[in-house]
ModelCIF file with pLDDT and N, C-alpha, C, O atoms, coordinates in Angstrom:
data_MODEL
#
_entry.id   MODEL 
#
_entity.id                         1 
_entity.type                       polymer 
_entity.pdbx_number_of_molecules   1 
#
_entity_poly.entity_id                      1 
_entity_poly.type                           'polypeptide(L)' 
_entity_poly.nstd_linkage                   no 
_entity_poly.nstd_monomer                   no 
_entity_poly.pdbx_seq_one_letter_code       
;(UNK)(UNK)(UNK)(UNK)(UNK)(UNK)(UNK)(UNK)(UNK)(UNK)(UNK)(UNK)(UNK)(UNK)(UNK)(UNK)
(UNK)(UNK)(UNK)(UNK)(UNK)(UNK)(UNK)(UNK)(UNK)(UNK)(UNK)(UNK)(UNK)(UNK)(UNK)(UNK)
(UNK)(UNK)(UNK)(UNK)(UNK)(UNK)(UNK)(UNK)(UNK)(UNK)(UNK)(UNK)
;
_entity_poly.pdbx_seq_one_letter_code_can   XXXXXXXXXXXXXXXXXXXXXXXXXXXXXXXXXXXXXXXXXXXX 
_entity_poly.pdbx_strand_id                 A 
#
loop_
_entity_poly_seq.entity_id 
_entity_poly_seq.num 
_entity_poly_seq.mon_id 
_entity_poly_seq.hetero 
1 1  UNK n 
1 2  UNK n 
1 3  UNK n 
1 4  UNK n 
1 5  UNK n 
1 6  UNK n 
1 7  UNK n 
1 8  UNK n 
1 9  UNK n 
1 10 UNK n 
1 11 UNK n 
1 12 UNK n 
1 13 UNK n 
1 14 UNK n 
1 15 UNK n 
1 16 UNK n 
1 17 UNK n 
1 18 UNK n 
1 19 UNK n 
1 20 UNK n 
1 21 UNK n 
1 22 UNK n 
1 23 UNK n 
1 24 UNK n 
1 25 UNK n 
1 26 UNK n 
1 27 UNK n 
1 28 UNK n 
1 29 UNK n 
1 30 UNK n 
1 31 UNK n 
1 32 UNK n 
1 33 UNK n 
1 34 UNK n 
1 35 UNK n 
1 36 UNK n 
1 37 UNK n 
1 38 UNK n 
1 39 UNK n 
1 40 UNK n 
1 41 UNK n 
1 42 UNK n 
1 43 UNK n 
1 44 UNK n 
#
_struct_asym.id          A 
_struct_asym.entity_id   1 
#
loop_
_ma_qa_metric.id 
_ma_qa_metric.mode 
_ma_qa_metric.name 
_ma_qa_metric.software_group_id 
_ma_qa_metric.type 
1 global pLDDT . pLDDT 
2 local  pLDDT . pLDDT 
#
_ma_qa_metric_global.metric_id      1 
_ma_qa_metric_global.metric_value   94.41 
_ma_qa_metric_global.model_id       1 
_ma_qa_metric_global.ordinal_id     1 
#
loop_
_ma_qa_metric_local.label_asym_id 
_ma_qa_metric_local.label_comp_id 
_ma_qa_metric_local.label_seq_id 
_ma_qa_metric_local.metric_id 
_ma_qa_metric_local.metric_value 
_ma_qa_metric_local.model_id 
_ma_qa_metric_local.ordinal_id 
A UNK 1  2 98.00 1 1  
A UNK 2  2 98.00 1 2  
A UNK 3  2 98.00 1 3  
A UNK 4  2 98.00 1 4  
A UNK 5  2 98.00 1 5  
A UNK 6  2 98.00 1 6  
A UNK 7  2 98.00 1 7  
A UNK 8  2 98.00 1 8  
A UNK 9  2 98.00 1 9  
A UNK 10 2 98.00 1 10 
A UNK 11 2 98.00 1 11 
A UNK 12 2 98.00 1 12 
A UNK 13 2 98.00 1 13 
A UNK 14 2 98.00 1 14 
A UNK 15 2 98.00 1 15 
A UNK 16 2 98.00 1 16 
A UNK 17 2 98.00 1 17 
A UNK 18 2 98.00 1 18 
A UNK 19 2 98.00 1 19 
A UNK 20 2 98.00 1 20 
A UNK 21 2 98.00 1 21 
A UNK 22 2 98.00 1 22 
A UNK 23 2 98.00 1 23 
A UNK 24 2 98.00 1 24 
A UNK 25 2 98.00 1 25 
A UNK 26 2 98.00 1 26 
A UNK 27 2 98.00 1 27 
A UNK 28 2 98.00 1 28 
A UNK 29 2 97.00 1 29 
A UNK 30 2 97.00 1 30 
A UNK 31 2 96.00 1 31 
A UNK 32 2 95.00 1 32 
A UNK 33 2 95.00 1 33 
A UNK 34 2 94.00 1 34 
A UNK 35 2 91.00 1 35 
A UNK 36 2 90.00 1 36 
A UNK 37 2 90.00 1 37 
A UNK 38 2 87.00 1 38 
A UNK 39 2 85.00 1 39 
A UNK 40 2 84.00 1 40 
A UNK 41 2 81.00 1 41 
A UNK 42 2 79.00 1 42 
A UNK 43 2 77.00 1 43 
A UNK 44 2 72.00 1 44 
#
loop_
_atom_site.group_PDB 
_atom_site.id 
_atom_site.type_symbol 
_atom_site.label_atom_id 
_atom_site.label_alt_id 
_atom_site.label_comp_id 
_atom_site.label_asym_id 
_atom_site.label_entity_id 
_atom_site.label_seq_id 
_atom_site.pdbx_PDB_ins_code 
_atom_site.Cartn_x 
_atom_site.Cartn_y 
_atom_site.Cartn_z 
_atom_site.occupancy 
_atom_site.B_iso_or_equiv 
_atom_site.pdbx_formal_charge 
_atom_site.auth_seq_id 
_atom_site.auth_comp_id 
_atom_site.auth_asym_id 
_atom_site.auth_atom_id 
_atom_site.pdbx_PDB_model_num 
ATOM 1   N N  . UNK A 1 1  ? 7.815  7.821  31.096  1.00 98.00 ? 1  UNK A N  1 
ATOM 2   C CA . UNK A 1 1  ? 8.400  8.227  29.817  1.00 98.00 ? 1  UNK A CA 1 
ATOM 3   C C  . UNK A 1 1  ? 8.425  7.060  28.829  1.00 98.00 ? 1  UNK A C  1 
ATOM 4   O O  . UNK A 1 1  ? 8.156  7.240  27.642  1.00 98.00 ? 1  UNK A O  1 
ATOM 5   N N  . UNK A 1 2  ? 8.744  5.877  29.321  1.00 98.00 ? 2  UNK A N  1 
ATOM 6   C CA . UNK A 1 2  ? 8.768  4.708  28.444  1.00 98.00 ? 2  UNK A CA 1 
ATOM 7   C C  . UNK A 1 2  ? 7.369  4.382  27.935  1.00 98.00 ? 2  UNK A C  1 
ATOM 8   O O  . UNK A 1 2  ? 7.200  4.023  26.770  1.00 98.00 ? 2  UNK A O  1 
ATOM 9   N N  . UNK A 1 3  ? 6.374  4.505  28.793  1.00 98.00 ? 3  UNK A N  1 
ATOM 10  C CA . UNK A 1 3  ? 4.999  4.244  28.371  1.00 98.00 ? 3  UNK A CA 1 
ATOM 11  C C  . UNK A 1 3  ? 4.569  5.248  27.304  1.00 98.00 ? 3  UNK A C  1 
ATOM 12  O O  . UNK A 1 3  ? 3.892  4.887  26.341  1.00 98.00 ? 3  UNK A O  1 
ATOM 13  N N  . UNK A 1 4  ? 4.961  6.497  27.477  1.00 98.00 ? 4  UNK A N  1 
ATOM 14  C CA . UNK A 1 4  ? 4.636  7.520  26.486  1.00 98.00 ? 4  UNK A CA 1 
ATOM 15  C C  . UNK A 1 4  ? 5.320  7.198  25.151  1.00 98.00 ? 4  UNK A C  1 
ATOM 16  O O  . UNK A 1 4  ? 4.709  7.320  24.089  1.00 98.00 ? 4  UNK A O  1 
ATOM 17  N N  . UNK A 1 5  ? 6.567  6.794  25.214  1.00 98.00 ? 5  UNK A N  1 
ATOM 18  C CA . UNK A 1 5  ? 7.303  6.441  24.000  1.00 98.00 ? 5  UNK A CA 1 
ATOM 19  C C  . UNK A 1 5  ? 6.667  5.251  23.301  1.00 98.00 ? 5  UNK A C  1 
ATOM 20  O O  . UNK A 1 5  ? 6.529  5.249  22.077  1.00 98.00 ? 5  UNK A O  1 
ATOM 21  N N  . UNK A 1 6  ? 6.282  4.247  24.062  1.00 98.00 ? 6  UNK A N  1 
ATOM 22  C CA . UNK A 1 6  ? 5.639  3.071  23.479  1.00 98.00 ? 6  UNK A CA 1 
ATOM 23  C C  . UNK A 1 6  ? 4.317  3.469  22.823  1.00 98.00 ? 6  UNK A C  1 
ATOM 24  O O  . UNK A 1 6  ? 4.006  2.984  21.735  1.00 98.00 ? 6  UNK A O  1 
ATOM 25  N N  . UNK A 1 7  ? 3.542  4.333  23.452  1.00 98.00 ? 7  UNK A N  1 
ATOM 26  C CA . UNK A 1 7  ? 2.283  4.797  22.863  1.00 98.00 ? 7  UNK A CA 1 
ATOM 27  C C  . UNK A 1 7  ? 2.528  5.555  21.558  1.00 98.00 ? 7  UNK A C  1 
ATOM 28  O O  . UNK A 1 7  ? 1.804  5.365  20.581  1.00 98.00 ? 7  UNK A O  1 
ATOM 29  N N  . UNK A 1 8  ? 3.546  6.410  21.545  1.00 98.00 ? 8  UNK A N  1 
ATOM 30  C CA . UNK A 1 8  ? 3.871  7.156  20.333  1.00 98.00 ? 8  UNK A CA 1 
ATOM 31  C C  . UNK A 1 8  ? 4.316  6.217  19.220  1.00 98.00 ? 8  UNK A C  1 
ATOM 32  O O  . UNK A 1 8  ? 3.900  6.367  18.071  1.00 98.00 ? 8  UNK A O  1 
ATOM 33  N N  . UNK A 1 9  ? 5.159  5.253  19.561  1.00 98.00 ? 9  UNK A N  1 
ATOM 34  C CA . UNK A 1 9  ? 5.615  4.282  18.572  1.00 98.00 ? 9  UNK A CA 1 
ATOM 35  C C  . UNK A 1 9  ? 4.457  3.439  18.039  1.00 98.00 ? 9  UNK A C  1 
ATOM 36  O O  . UNK A 1 9  ? 4.403  3.113  16.854  1.00 98.00 ? 9  UNK A O  1 
ATOM 37  N N  . UNK A 1 10 ? 3.552  3.101  18.919  1.00 98.00 ? 10 UNK A N  1 
ATOM 38  C CA . UNK A 1 10 ? 2.388  2.331  18.503  1.00 98.00 ? 10 UNK A CA 1 
ATOM 39  C C  . UNK A 1 10 ? 1.554  3.117  17.499  1.00 98.00 ? 10 UNK A C  1 
ATOM 40  O O  . UNK A 1 10 ? 1.059  2.551  16.524  1.00 98.00 ? 10 UNK A O  1 
ATOM 41  N N  . UNK A 1 11 ? 1.399  4.404  17.729  1.00 98.00 ? 11 UNK A N  1 
ATOM 42  C CA . UNK A 1 11 ? 0.655  5.254  16.795  1.00 98.00 ? 11 UNK A CA 1 
ATOM 43  C C  . UNK A 1 11 ? 1.354  5.323  15.449  1.00 98.00 ? 11 UNK A C  1 
ATOM 44  O O  . UNK A 1 11 ? 0.705  5.255  14.405  1.00 98.00 ? 11 UNK A O  1 
ATOM 45  N N  . UNK A 1 12 ? 2.665  5.458  15.469  1.00 98.00 ? 12 UNK A N  1 
ATOM 46  C CA . UNK A 1 12 ? 3.426  5.519  14.222  1.00 98.00 ? 12 UNK A CA 1 
ATOM 47  C C  . UNK A 1 12 ? 3.288  4.203  13.460  1.00 98.00 ? 12 UNK A C  1 
ATOM 48  O O  . UNK A 1 12 ? 3.091  4.210  12.245  1.00 98.00 ? 12 UNK A O  1 
ATOM 49  N N  . UNK A 1 13 ? 3.388  3.102  14.147  1.00 98.00 ? 13 UNK A N  1 
ATOM 50  C CA . UNK A 1 13 ? 3.258  1.793  13.497  1.00 98.00 ? 13 UNK A CA 1 
ATOM 51  C C  . UNK A 1 13 ? 1.861  1.640  12.900  1.00 98.00 ? 13 UNK A C  1 
ATOM 52  O O  . UNK A 1 13 ? 1.722  1.114  11.796  1.00 98.00 ? 13 UNK A O  1 
ATOM 53  N N  . UNK A 1 14 ? 0.835  2.086  13.600  1.00 98.00 ? 14 UNK A N  1 
ATOM 54  C CA . UNK A 1 14 ? -0.534 2.000  13.081  1.00 98.00 ? 14 UNK A CA 1 
ATOM 55  C C  . UNK A 1 14 ? -0.687 2.854  11.823  1.00 98.00 ? 14 UNK A C  1 
ATOM 56  O O  . UNK A 1 14 ? -1.302 2.415  10.851  1.00 98.00 ? 14 UNK A O  1 
ATOM 57  N N  . UNK A 1 15 ? -0.135 4.064  11.833  1.00 98.00 ? 15 UNK A N  1 
ATOM 58  C CA . UNK A 1 15 ? -0.191 4.925  10.652  1.00 98.00 ? 15 UNK A CA 1 
ATOM 59  C C  . UNK A 1 15 ? 0.531  4.277  9.478   1.00 98.00 ? 15 UNK A C  1 
ATOM 60  O O  . UNK A 1 15 ? 0.033  4.278  8.352   1.00 98.00 ? 15 UNK A O  1 
ATOM 61  N N  . UNK A 1 16 ? 1.704  3.727  9.750   1.00 98.00 ? 16 UNK A N  1 
ATOM 62  C CA . UNK A 1 16 ? 2.472  3.088  8.681   1.00 98.00 ? 16 UNK A CA 1 
ATOM 63  C C  . UNK A 1 16 ? 1.758  1.857  8.147   1.00 98.00 ? 16 UNK A C  1 
ATOM 64  O O  . UNK A 1 16 ? 1.812  1.575  6.950   1.00 98.00 ? 16 UNK A O  1 
ATOM 65  N N  . UNK A 1 17 ? 1.102  1.138  9.016   1.00 98.00 ? 17 UNK A N  1 
ATOM 66  C CA . UNK A 1 17 ? 0.343  -0.033 8.584   1.00 98.00 ? 17 UNK A CA 1 
ATOM 67  C C  . UNK A 1 17 ? -0.784 0.390  7.639   1.00 98.00 ? 17 UNK A C  1 
ATOM 68  O O  . UNK A 1 17 ? -1.018 -0.252 6.615   1.00 98.00 ? 17 UNK A O  1 
ATOM 69  N N  . UNK A 1 18 ? -1.478 1.471  7.992   1.00 98.00 ? 18 UNK A N  1 
ATOM 70  C CA . UNK A 1 18 ? -2.538 1.978  7.119   1.00 98.00 ? 18 UNK A CA 1 
ATOM 71  C C  . UNK A 1 18 ? -1.972 2.422  5.774   1.00 98.00 ? 18 UNK A C  1 
ATOM 72  O O  . UNK A 1 18 ? -2.576 2.169  4.731   1.00 98.00 ? 18 UNK A O  1 
ATOM 73  N N  . UNK A 1 19 ? -0.827 3.076  5.795   1.00 98.00 ? 19 UNK A N  1 
ATOM 74  C CA . UNK A 1 19 ? -0.199 3.526  4.563   1.00 98.00 ? 19 UNK A CA 1 
ATOM 75  C C  . UNK A 1 19 ? 0.228  2.337  3.707   1.00 98.00 ? 19 UNK A C  1 
ATOM 76  O O  . UNK A 1 19 ? 0.052  2.356  2.489   1.00 98.00 ? 19 UNK A O  1 
ATOM 77  N N  . UNK A 1 20 ? 0.781  1.312  4.328   1.00 98.00 ? 20 UNK A N  1 
ATOM 78  C CA . UNK A 1 20 ? 1.188  0.112  3.585   1.00 98.00 ? 20 UNK A CA 1 
ATOM 79  C C  . UNK A 1 20 ? -0.033 -0.535 2.933   1.00 98.00 ? 20 UNK A C  1 
ATOM 80  O O  . UNK A 1 20 ? 0.041  -0.973 1.785   1.00 98.00 ? 20 UNK A O  1 
ATOM 81  N N  . UNK A 1 21 ? -1.128 -0.599 3.637   1.00 98.00 ? 21 UNK A N  1 
ATOM 82  C CA . UNK A 1 21 ? -2.361 -1.167 3.078   1.00 98.00 ? 21 UNK A CA 1 
ATOM 83  C C  . UNK A 1 21 ? -2.838 -0.343 1.882   1.00 98.00 ? 21 UNK A C  1 
ATOM 84  O O  . UNK A 1 21 ? -3.234 -0.901 0.858   1.00 98.00 ? 21 UNK A O  1 
ATOM 85  N N  . UNK A 1 22 ? -2.799 0.975  2.013   1.00 98.00 ? 22 UNK A N  1 
ATOM 86  C CA . UNK A 1 22 ? -3.201 1.859  0.923   1.00 98.00 ? 22 UNK A CA 1 
ATOM 87  C C  . UNK A 1 22 ? -2.303 1.649  -0.296  1.00 98.00 ? 22 UNK A C  1 
ATOM 88  O O  . UNK A 1 22 ? -2.790 1.521  -1.419  1.00 98.00 ? 22 UNK A O  1 
ATOM 89  N N  . UNK A 1 23 ? -0.994 1.615  -0.068  1.00 98.00 ? 23 UNK A N  1 
ATOM 90  C CA . UNK A 1 23 ? -0.052 1.420  -1.168  1.00 98.00 ? 23 UNK A CA 1 
ATOM 91  C C  . UNK A 1 23 ? -0.213 0.037  -1.801  1.00 98.00 ? 23 UNK A C  1 
ATOM 92  O O  . UNK A 1 23 ? -0.075 -0.114 -3.015  1.00 98.00 ? 23 UNK A O  1 
ATOM 93  N N  . UNK A 1 24 ? -0.501 -0.953 -0.989  1.00 98.00 ? 24 UNK A N  1 
ATOM 94  C CA . UNK A 1 24 ? -0.725 -2.308 -1.508  1.00 98.00 ? 24 UNK A CA 1 
ATOM 95  C C  . UNK A 1 24 ? -1.937 -2.320 -2.432  1.00 98.00 ? 24 UNK A C  1 
ATOM 96  O O  . UNK A 1 24 ? -1.902 -2.933 -3.499  1.00 98.00 ? 24 UNK A O  1 
ATOM 97  N N  . UNK A 1 25 ? -2.995 -1.652 -2.029  1.00 98.00 ? 25 UNK A N  1 
ATOM 98  C CA . UNK A 1 25 ? -4.211 -1.588 -2.855  1.00 98.00 ? 25 UNK A CA 1 
ATOM 99  C C  . UNK A 1 25 ? -3.927 -0.840 -4.160  1.00 98.00 ? 25 UNK A C  1 
ATOM 100 O O  . UNK A 1 25 ? -4.381 -1.260 -5.224  1.00 98.00 ? 25 UNK A O  1 
ATOM 101 N N  . UNK A 1 26 ? -3.182 0.263  -4.085  1.00 98.00 ? 26 UNK A N  1 
ATOM 102 C CA . UNK A 1 26 ? -2.833 1.010  -5.295  1.00 98.00 ? 26 UNK A CA 1 
ATOM 103 C C  . UNK A 1 26 ? -1.981 0.149  -6.232  1.00 98.00 ? 26 UNK A C  1 
ATOM 104 O O  . UNK A 1 26 ? -2.194 0.149  -7.444  1.00 98.00 ? 26 UNK A O  1 
ATOM 105 N N  . UNK A 1 27 ? -1.032 -0.574 -5.674  1.00 98.00 ? 27 UNK A N  1 
ATOM 106 C CA . UNK A 1 27 ? -0.180 -1.449 -6.476  1.00 98.00 ? 27 UNK A CA 1 
ATOM 107 C C  . UNK A 1 27 ? -1.001 -2.548 -7.146  1.00 98.00 ? 27 UNK A C  1 
ATOM 108 O O  . UNK A 1 27 ? -0.762 -2.887 -8.305  1.00 98.00 ? 27 UNK A O  1 
ATOM 109 N N  . UNK A 1 28 ? -1.959 -3.099 -6.422  1.00 98.00 ? 28 UNK A N  1 
ATOM 110 C CA . UNK A 1 28 ? -2.817 -4.141 -6.983  1.00 98.00 ? 28 UNK A CA 1 
ATOM 111 C C  . UNK A 1 28 ? -3.610 -3.591 -8.164  1.00 98.00 ? 28 UNK A C  1 
ATOM 112 O O  . UNK A 1 28 ? -3.700 -4.229 -9.213  1.00 98.00 ? 28 UNK A O  1 
ATOM 113 N N  . UNK A 1 29 ? -4.191 -2.388 -7.982  1.00 97.00 ? 29 UNK A N  1 
ATOM 114 C CA . UNK A 1 29 ? -4.959 -1.783 -9.070  1.00 97.00 ? 29 UNK A CA 1 
ATOM 115 C C  . UNK A 1 29 ? -4.073 -1.470 -10.274 1.00 97.00 ? 29 UNK A C  1 
ATOM 116 O O  . UNK A 1 29 ? -4.456 -1.723 -11.416 1.00 97.00 ? 29 UNK A O  1 
ATOM 117 N N  . UNK A 1 30 ? -2.898 -0.923 -10.016 1.00 97.00 ? 30 UNK A N  1 
ATOM 118 C CA . UNK A 1 30 ? -1.996 -0.576 -11.115 1.00 97.00 ? 30 UNK A CA 1 
ATOM 119 C C  . UNK A 1 30 ? -1.510 -1.824 -11.848 1.00 97.00 ? 30 UNK A C  1 
ATOM 120 O O  . UNK A 1 30 ? -1.362 -1.807 -13.069 1.00 97.00 ? 30 UNK A O  1 
ATOM 121 N N  . UNK A 1 31 ? -1.265 -2.888 -11.121 1.00 96.00 ? 31 UNK A N  1 
ATOM 122 C CA . UNK A 1 31 ? -0.865 -4.145 -11.752 1.00 96.00 ? 31 UNK A CA 1 
ATOM 123 C C  . UNK A 1 31 ? -1.966 -4.651 -12.672 1.00 96.00 ? 31 UNK A C  1 
ATOM 124 O O  . UNK A 1 31 ? -1.700 -5.140 -13.770 1.00 96.00 ? 31 UNK A O  1 
ATOM 125 N N  . UNK A 1 32 ? -3.207 -4.525 -12.209 1.00 95.00 ? 32 UNK A N  1 
ATOM 126 C CA . UNK A 1 32 ? -4.343 -4.919 -13.044 1.00 95.00 ? 32 UNK A CA 1 
ATOM 127 C C  . UNK A 1 32 ? -4.429 -4.078 -14.306 1.00 95.00 ? 32 UNK A C  1 
ATOM 128 O O  . UNK A 1 32 ? -4.682 -4.599 -15.392 1.00 95.00 ? 32 UNK A O  1 
ATOM 129 N N  . UNK A 1 33 ? -4.217 -2.773 -14.159 1.00 95.00 ? 33 UNK A N  1 
ATOM 130 C CA . UNK A 1 33 ? -4.269 -1.885 -15.315 1.00 95.00 ? 33 UNK A CA 1 
ATOM 131 C C  . UNK A 1 33 ? -3.151 -2.214 -16.308 1.00 95.00 ? 33 UNK A C  1 
ATOM 132 O O  . UNK A 1 33 ? -3.371 -2.197 -17.519 1.00 95.00 ? 33 UNK A O  1 
ATOM 133 N N  . UNK A 1 34 ? -1.966 -2.509 -15.802 1.00 94.00 ? 34 UNK A N  1 
ATOM 134 C CA . UNK A 1 34 ? -0.847 -2.873 -16.683 1.00 94.00 ? 34 UNK A CA 1 
ATOM 135 C C  . UNK A 1 34 ? -1.168 -4.179 -17.408 1.00 94.00 ? 34 UNK A C  1 
ATOM 136 O O  . UNK A 1 34 ? -0.871 -4.328 -18.593 1.00 94.00 ? 34 UNK A O  1 
ATOM 137 N N  . UNK A 1 35 ? -1.772 -5.112 -16.694 1.00 91.00 ? 35 UNK A N  1 
ATOM 138 C CA . UNK A 1 35 ? -2.168 -6.375 -17.330 1.00 91.00 ? 35 UNK A CA 1 
ATOM 139 C C  . UNK A 1 35 ? -3.179 -6.142 -18.439 1.00 91.00 ? 35 UNK A C  1 
ATOM 140 O O  . UNK A 1 35 ? -3.089 -6.759 -19.500 1.00 91.00 ? 35 UNK A O  1 
ATOM 141 N N  . UNK A 1 36 ? -4.141 -5.257 -18.204 1.00 90.00 ? 36 UNK A N  1 
ATOM 142 C CA . UNK A 1 36 ? -5.141 -4.945 -19.226 1.00 90.00 ? 36 UNK A CA 1 
ATOM 143 C C  . UNK A 1 36 ? -4.476 -4.281 -20.434 1.00 90.00 ? 36 UNK A C  1 
ATOM 144 O O  . UNK A 1 36 ? -4.799 -4.602 -21.578 1.00 90.00 ? 36 UNK A O  1 
ATOM 145 N N  . UNK A 1 37 ? -3.556 -3.363 -20.180 1.00 90.00 ? 37 UNK A N  1 
ATOM 146 C CA . UNK A 1 37 ? -2.849 -2.704 -21.282 1.00 90.00 ? 37 UNK A CA 1 
ATOM 147 C C  . UNK A 1 37 ? -2.004 -3.704 -22.074 1.00 90.00 ? 37 UNK A C  1 
ATOM 148 O O  . UNK A 1 37 ? -1.928 -3.622 -23.300 1.00 90.00 ? 37 UNK A O  1 
ATOM 149 N N  . UNK A 1 38 ? -1.381 -4.632 -21.385 1.00 87.00 ? 38 UNK A N  1 
ATOM 150 C CA . UNK A 1 38 ? -0.570 -5.647 -22.065 1.00 87.00 ? 38 UNK A CA 1 
ATOM 151 C C  . UNK A 1 38 ? -1.455 -6.497 -22.971 1.00 87.00 ? 38 UNK A C  1 
ATOM 152 O O  . UNK A 1 38 ? -1.042 -6.861 -24.072 1.00 87.00 ? 38 UNK A O  1 
ATOM 153 N N  . UNK A 1 39 ? -2.664 -6.816 -22.523 1.00 85.00 ? 39 UNK A N  1 
ATOM 154 C CA . UNK A 1 39 ? -3.580 -7.591 -23.353 1.00 85.00 ? 39 UNK A CA 1 
ATOM 155 C C  . UNK A 1 39 ? -3.966 -6.816 -24.603 1.00 85.00 ? 39 UNK A C  1 
ATOM 156 O O  . UNK A 1 39 ? -4.024 -7.381 -25.695 1.00 85.00 ? 39 UNK A O  1 
ATOM 157 N N  . UNK A 1 40 ? -4.229 -5.524 -24.445 1.00 84.00 ? 40 UNK A N  1 
ATOM 158 C CA . UNK A 1 40 ? -4.602 -4.690 -25.588 1.00 84.00 ? 40 UNK A CA 1 
ATOM 159 C C  . UNK A 1 40 ? -3.452 -4.631 -26.582 1.00 84.00 ? 40 UNK A C  1 
ATOM 160 O O  . UNK A 1 40 ? -3.666 -4.753 -27.788 1.00 84.00 ? 40 UNK A O  1 
ATOM 161 N N  . UNK A 1 41 ? -2.245 -4.446 -26.088 1.00 81.00 ? 41 UNK A N  1 
ATOM 162 C CA . UNK A 1 41 ? -1.082 -4.370 -26.972 1.00 81.00 ? 41 UNK A CA 1 
ATOM 163 C C  . UNK A 1 41 ? -0.859 -5.707 -27.662 1.00 81.00 ? 41 UNK A C  1 
ATOM 164 O O  . UNK A 1 41 ? -0.554 -5.743 -28.854 1.00 81.00 ? 41 UNK A O  1 
ATOM 165 N N  . UNK A 1 42 ? -1.004 -6.791 -26.938 1.00 79.00 ? 42 UNK A N  1 
ATOM 166 C CA . UNK A 1 42 ? -0.788 -8.120 -27.526 1.00 79.00 ? 42 UNK A CA 1 
ATOM 167 C C  . UNK A 1 42 ? -1.886 -8.498 -28.509 1.00 79.00 ? 42 UNK A C  1 
ATOM 168 O O  . UNK A 1 42 ? -1.653 -9.285 -29.427 1.00 79.00 ? 42 UNK A O  1 
ATOM 169 N N  . UNK A 1 43 ? -3.089 -7.940 -28.323 1.00 77.00 ? 43 UNK A N  1 
ATOM 170 C CA . UNK A 1 43 ? -4.205 -8.252 -29.218 1.00 77.00 ? 43 UNK A CA 1 
ATOM 171 C C  . UNK A 1 43 ? -4.115 -7.478 -30.532 1.00 77.00 ? 43 UNK A C  1 
ATOM 172 O O  . UNK A 1 43 ? -4.823 -7.808 -31.483 1.00 77.00 ? 43 UNK A O  1 
ATOM 173 N N  . UNK A 1 44 ? -3.280 -6.482 -30.603 1.00 72.00 ? 44 UNK A N  1 
ATOM 174 C CA . UNK A 1 44 ? -3.140 -5.703 -31.826 1.00 72.00 ? 44 UNK A CA 1 
ATOM 175 C C  . UNK A 1 44 ? -2.558 -6.608 -32.912 1.00 72.00 ? 44 UNK A C  1 
ATOM 176 O O  . UNK A 1 44 ? -2.351 -6.164 -34.041 1.00 72.00 ? 44 UNK A O  1 
#
């Protein structure tokens, strides 16, 4: 039972790790877009 629980937890951690990576990439892209918009606004 403990081995099964550890395997299930390992799967959950792997899924969460993938989600964190995805969210990190989205945040990086959005930060870049905000920076570009700030430049456009400041250049006006």
